[in-house]
């Protein structure tokens, strides 16, 4: 049975949770909460700190914190108990399918994430600079709409197709091949973590903004938006798969 013990209040352990600072607030909140669990700041079987206290420690709104906690509950990282000693508790054991990678695989995660931040923003920038034909514009819009309408079981392959389509519009076959390689490796990692509806809604908004930047020829914005989008995915992958030692 889960311990009915409060996590010690605050400035002590919670100071080890990082502040959420960038544009992917939900994803980074998830990353920091999962990191806290791996570090033992949010210890297995222990009750979570008060919502206000935890939100302040992370530097996020209580609404964002609630969204993150709801997704963690659905994924099996948090349990809810009723009654006098009830509340939100860290699960005694993490879900097996999202257990940490072996130590020799940790470098692989970072290698994939770094590689993406090099090739995909460049592809988005070049696609925005290109003189796209009507057919190419239609192709990009069709990839976006297919992704936005996708069922969960089909989302990740269509997500990969959207990113590869952008790379193909860059005009560089070598760059397109590199993005395809990066996406294949990323998909293998994403298959190890839960499908989070809140993250998907955020990603769809980012995909739409990236598409608009490309179609309007704003190359600098396309690059910036793609990098921000990739940072959100990286935050989730690090949160679920990393060993918790990195900040």
Protein backbone atom coordinates (compact mmCIF):
# COMPACT_ATOMS: atom_id res chain seq x y z
CA UNK A 1 0.00 0.00 0.00
CA UNK A 2 1.21 3.51 -0.79
CA UNK A 3 2.70 5.36 2.17
CA UNK A 4 0.49 8.07 3.61
CA UNK A 5 3.39 10.41 4.13
CA UNK A 6 3.76 13.99 3.04
CA UNK A 7 6.73 14.99 0.94
CA UNK A 8 8.77 17.31 3.16
CA UNK A 9 7.97 20.95 2.51
CA UNK A 10 9.81 22.78 0.34
CA UNK A 11 12.77 24.90 -0.23
CA UNK A 12 14.81 21.81 0.64
CA UNK A 13 14.14 18.97 -1.84
CA UNK A 14 12.09 21.00 -4.31
CA UNK A 15 14.98 23.34 -5.00
CA UNK A 16 16.40 20.51 -7.12
CA UNK A 17 13.52 20.81 -9.56
CA UNK A 18 14.46 23.04 -12.47
CA UNK A 19 12.46 26.13 -13.38
CA UNK A 20 10.51 25.91 -16.61
CA UNK A 21 11.79 28.75 -18.78
CA UNK A 22 11.26 28.19 -22.50
CA UNK A 23 8.33 28.01 -24.91
CA UNK A 24 7.33 24.37 -24.39
CA UNK A 25 5.88 24.89 -20.93
CA UNK A 26 3.83 21.70 -20.71
CA UNK A 27 6.60 19.47 -22.04
CA UNK A 28 9.22 21.01 -19.78
CA UNK A 29 6.93 20.69 -16.76
CA UNK A 30 6.63 17.00 -17.53
CA UNK A 31 10.40 16.75 -17.89
CA UNK A 32 11.06 18.36 -14.51
CA UNK A 33 8.42 16.30 -12.68
CA UNK A 34 9.79 13.07 -14.12
CA UNK A 35 13.33 14.17 -13.32
CA UNK A 36 12.21 14.88 -9.76
CA UNK A 37 10.87 11.34 -9.50
CA UNK A 38 14.11 9.86 -10.74
CA UNK A 39 16.16 11.99 -8.36
CA UNK A 40 13.94 10.99 -5.43
CA UNK A 41 12.87 14.60 -4.84
CA UNK A 42 9.37 13.29 -5.56
CA UNK A 43 9.94 9.92 -3.94
CA UNK A 44 8.13 6.67 -4.82
CA UNK A 45 5.04 6.15 -2.70
CA UNK A 46 5.13 9.66 -1.25
CA UNK A 47 2.42 12.27 -1.44
CA UNK A 48 3.11 15.17 -3.76
CA UNK A 49 3.60 18.65 -2.30
CA UNK A 50 0.67 21.05 -2.35
CA UNK A 51 -0.27 22.17 -5.84
CA UNK A 52 0.59 25.81 -5.23
CA UNK A 53 3.95 24.94 -3.71
CA UNK A 54 4.89 22.63 -6.56
CA UNK A 55 3.75 25.09 -9.24
CA UNK A 56 5.78 27.88 -7.66
CA UNK A 57 8.85 25.67 -7.45
CA UNK A 58 8.60 24.87 -11.17
CA UNK A 59 7.69 28.42 -12.14
CA UNK A 60 4.48 27.41 -13.95
CA UNK A 61 0.80 28.11 -13.56
CA UNK A 62 -1.36 25.74 -11.53
CA UNK A 63 -3.36 25.02 -14.70
CA UNK A 64 -0.22 23.81 -16.49
CA UNK A 65 0.76 21.73 -13.47
CA UNK A 66 -2.69 20.12 -13.37
CA UNK A 67 -2.42 19.20 -17.06
CA UNK A 68 0.98 17.60 -16.49
CA UNK A 69 -0.17 15.70 -13.40
CA UNK A 70 -3.26 14.43 -15.24
CA UNK A 71 -1.08 13.03 -18.02
CA UNK A 72 1.31 11.45 -15.49
CA UNK A 73 -1.65 9.86 -13.73
CA UNK A 74 -2.96 8.45 -17.03
CA UNK A 75 0.54 7.11 -17.79
CA UNK A 76 0.76 5.40 -14.39
CA UNK A 77 3.41 7.59 -12.76
CA UNK A 78 0.97 9.09 -10.25
CA UNK A 79 -1.91 7.54 -8.33
CA UNK A 80 -4.87 9.27 -6.68
CA UNK A 81 -6.10 8.16 -3.26
CA UNK A 82 -9.37 9.19 -1.65
CA UNK A 83 -10.24 9.74 1.96
CA UNK A 84 -8.71 11.53 4.91
CA UNK A 85 -5.14 10.76 3.89
CA UNK A 86 -5.83 10.95 0.19
CA UNK A 87 -4.25 13.03 -2.53
CA UNK A 88 -1.81 12.58 -5.40
CA UNK A 89 1.01 10.10 -4.76
CA UNK A 90 4.05 9.13 -6.78
CA UNK A 91 3.61 5.54 -7.95
CA UNK A 92 5.69 3.02 -6.04
CA UNK A 93 7.00 1.62 -9.36
CA UNK A 94 7.22 3.40 -12.73
CA UNK A 95 5.42 1.80 -15.67
CA UNK A 96 7.61 -0.92 -17.14
CA UNK A 97 7.28 0.30 -20.71
CA UNK A 98 8.82 3.66 -19.82
CA UNK A 99 11.59 2.36 -17.60
CA UNK A 100 14.95 4.09 -17.96
CA UNK A 101 17.18 3.18 -20.85
CA UNK A 102 20.31 1.17 -20.18
CA UNK A 103 23.27 3.41 -19.44
CA UNK A 104 24.86 2.61 -22.79
CA UNK A 105 21.72 3.90 -24.54
CA UNK A 106 21.71 7.29 -22.82
CA UNK A 107 24.23 8.68 -25.29
CA UNK A 108 22.07 7.48 -28.16
CA UNK A 109 19.14 9.59 -26.96
CA UNK A 110 21.26 12.73 -26.83
CA UNK A 111 22.87 11.93 -30.18
CA UNK A 112 19.47 11.72 -31.86
CA UNK A 113 18.23 14.92 -30.22
CA UNK A 114 21.33 16.90 -31.14
CA UNK A 115 21.28 15.61 -34.71
CA UNK A 116 17.67 16.75 -35.11
CA UNK A 117 18.44 20.26 -33.91
CA UNK A 118 21.04 20.55 -36.67
CA UNK A 119 19.19 19.15 -39.68
CA UNK A 120 15.51 19.96 -39.14
CA UNK A 121 15.69 23.71 -38.46
CA UNK A 122 17.96 24.02 -41.51
CA UNK A 123 15.41 22.12 -43.60
CA UNK A 124 12.57 24.38 -42.45
CA UNK A 125 14.62 27.49 -43.20
CA UNK A 126 15.51 26.31 -46.71
CA UNK A 127 11.92 25.25 -47.42
CA UNK A 128 10.77 28.77 -46.54
CA UNK A 129 13.39 30.26 -48.85
CA UNK A 130 12.48 28.01 -51.76
CA UNK A 131 10.25 29.11 -54.63
CA UNK A 132 7.58 26.50 -53.94
CA UNK A 133 5.25 25.41 -56.70
CA UNK A 134 1.51 25.19 -56.23
CA UNK A 135 1.83 21.41 -56.07
CA UNK A 136 4.46 21.62 -53.34
CA UNK A 137 2.32 24.00 -51.31
CA UNK A 138 -0.61 21.63 -51.65
CA UNK A 139 1.59 18.72 -50.56
CA UNK A 140 2.70 20.50 -47.39
CA UNK A 141 -0.85 21.54 -46.50
CA UNK A 142 -2.08 18.00 -47.13
CA UNK A 143 0.63 16.56 -44.82
CA UNK A 144 -0.41 19.03 -42.12
CA UNK A 145 -4.12 18.28 -42.45
CA UNK A 146 -3.54 14.51 -42.41
CA UNK A 147 -1.56 14.92 -39.21
CA UNK A 148 -4.16 17.13 -37.56
CA UNK A 149 -6.89 14.59 -38.36
CA UNK A 150 -4.86 11.52 -37.36
CA UNK A 151 -6.05 8.93 -34.89
CA UNK A 152 -3.57 8.23 -32.06
CA UNK A 153 -2.46 4.95 -33.65
CA UNK A 154 -1.50 6.75 -36.86
CA UNK A 155 -0.23 10.02 -35.44
CA UNK A 156 3.48 9.33 -35.12
CA UNK A 157 4.00 7.96 -38.67
CA UNK A 158 2.10 10.96 -40.06
CA UNK A 159 4.13 13.26 -37.82
CA UNK A 160 7.30 11.81 -39.33
CA UNK A 161 5.86 12.24 -42.82
CA UNK A 162 5.10 15.91 -42.14
CA UNK A 163 8.69 16.59 -41.08
CA UNK A 164 10.14 14.67 -44.02
CA UNK A 165 7.86 16.60 -46.40
CA UNK A 166 9.35 19.87 -45.13
CA UNK A 167 12.85 18.48 -45.68
CA UNK A 168 11.97 17.45 -49.23
CA UNK A 169 10.84 21.02 -49.93
CA UNK A 170 14.29 22.27 -48.94
CA UNK A 171 15.61 21.25 -52.35
CA UNK A 172 18.43 19.15 -50.90
CA UNK A 173 18.07 15.40 -51.28
CA UNK A 174 20.96 14.81 -48.86
CA UNK A 175 19.30 16.98 -46.22
CA UNK A 176 15.98 15.22 -46.79
CA UNK A 177 17.70 11.86 -46.28
CA UNK A 178 19.29 13.14 -43.07
CA UNK A 179 15.93 14.33 -41.72
CA UNK A 180 14.35 10.99 -42.61
CA UNK A 181 17.12 9.22 -40.69
CA UNK A 182 16.63 11.53 -37.70
CA UNK A 183 12.88 11.02 -37.74
CA UNK A 184 13.19 7.24 -37.87
CA UNK A 185 15.47 7.29 -34.83
CA UNK A 186 13.16 9.71 -33.02
CA UNK A 187 10.12 7.54 -33.72
CA UNK A 188 11.84 4.57 -32.07
CA UNK A 189 12.29 6.66 -28.93
CA UNK A 190 8.79 8.12 -29.01
CA UNK A 191 7.34 4.61 -29.17
CA UNK A 192 8.76 4.07 -25.66
CA UNK A 193 6.82 6.89 -24.03
CA UNK A 194 3.08 7.49 -23.51
CA UNK A 195 0.94 9.25 -26.11
CA UNK A 196 0.02 12.53 -24.39
CA UNK A 197 -3.02 14.39 -25.70
CA UNK A 198 -1.91 17.74 -24.29
CA UNK A 199 1.47 17.43 -25.99
CA UNK A 200 -0.20 16.47 -29.28
CA UNK A 201 -2.47 19.54 -29.16
CA UNK A 202 0.57 21.74 -28.52
CA UNK A 203 2.50 20.05 -31.33
CA UNK A 204 -0.37 20.58 -33.77
CA UNK A 205 -0.33 24.30 -33.01
CA UNK A 206 3.42 24.39 -33.62
CA UNK A 207 3.08 22.41 -36.86
CA UNK A 208 0.53 24.93 -38.11
CA UNK A 209 2.78 27.88 -37.29
CA UNK A 210 5.77 26.22 -38.96
CA UNK A 211 3.71 25.57 -42.08
CA UNK A 212 2.52 29.17 -42.20
CA UNK A 213 6.09 30.47 -41.84
CA UNK A 214 7.26 28.26 -44.70
CA UNK A 215 4.39 29.16 -47.00
CA UNK A 216 4.84 32.89 -46.35
CA UNK A 217 8.59 32.69 -46.95
CA UNK A 218 9.65 33.68 -43.43
CA UNK A 219 12.82 31.60 -43.25
CA UNK A 220 14.11 32.95 -39.93
CA UNK A 221 10.79 32.30 -38.21
CA UNK A 222 10.50 28.83 -39.76
CA UNK A 223 13.90 27.92 -38.34
CA UNK A 224 13.10 29.34 -34.90
CA UNK A 225 9.70 27.63 -34.71
CA UNK A 226 11.13 24.28 -35.77
CA UNK A 227 13.86 24.51 -33.13
CA UNK A 228 11.29 25.36 -30.45
CA UNK A 229 9.16 22.42 -31.57
CA UNK A 230 12.11 20.03 -31.37
CA UNK A 231 12.97 21.29 -27.88
CA UNK A 232 9.50 20.28 -26.72
CA UNK A 233 9.93 16.74 -28.00
CA UNK A 234 13.41 16.60 -26.48
CA UNK A 235 12.04 17.67 -23.09
CA UNK A 236 9.55 14.80 -23.09
CA UNK A 237 12.09 12.22 -24.20
CA UNK A 238 14.60 13.35 -21.59
CA UNK A 239 11.90 13.37 -18.94
CA UNK A 240 10.71 9.84 -19.65
CA UNK A 241 13.94 8.18 -20.73
CA UNK A 242 16.88 10.01 -19.16
CA UNK A 243 18.50 8.99 -15.88
CA UNK A 244 17.56 12.25 -14.13
CA UNK A 245 21.09 13.48 -13.57
CA UNK A 246 20.96 16.23 -16.20
CA UNK A 247 19.35 19.53 -15.45
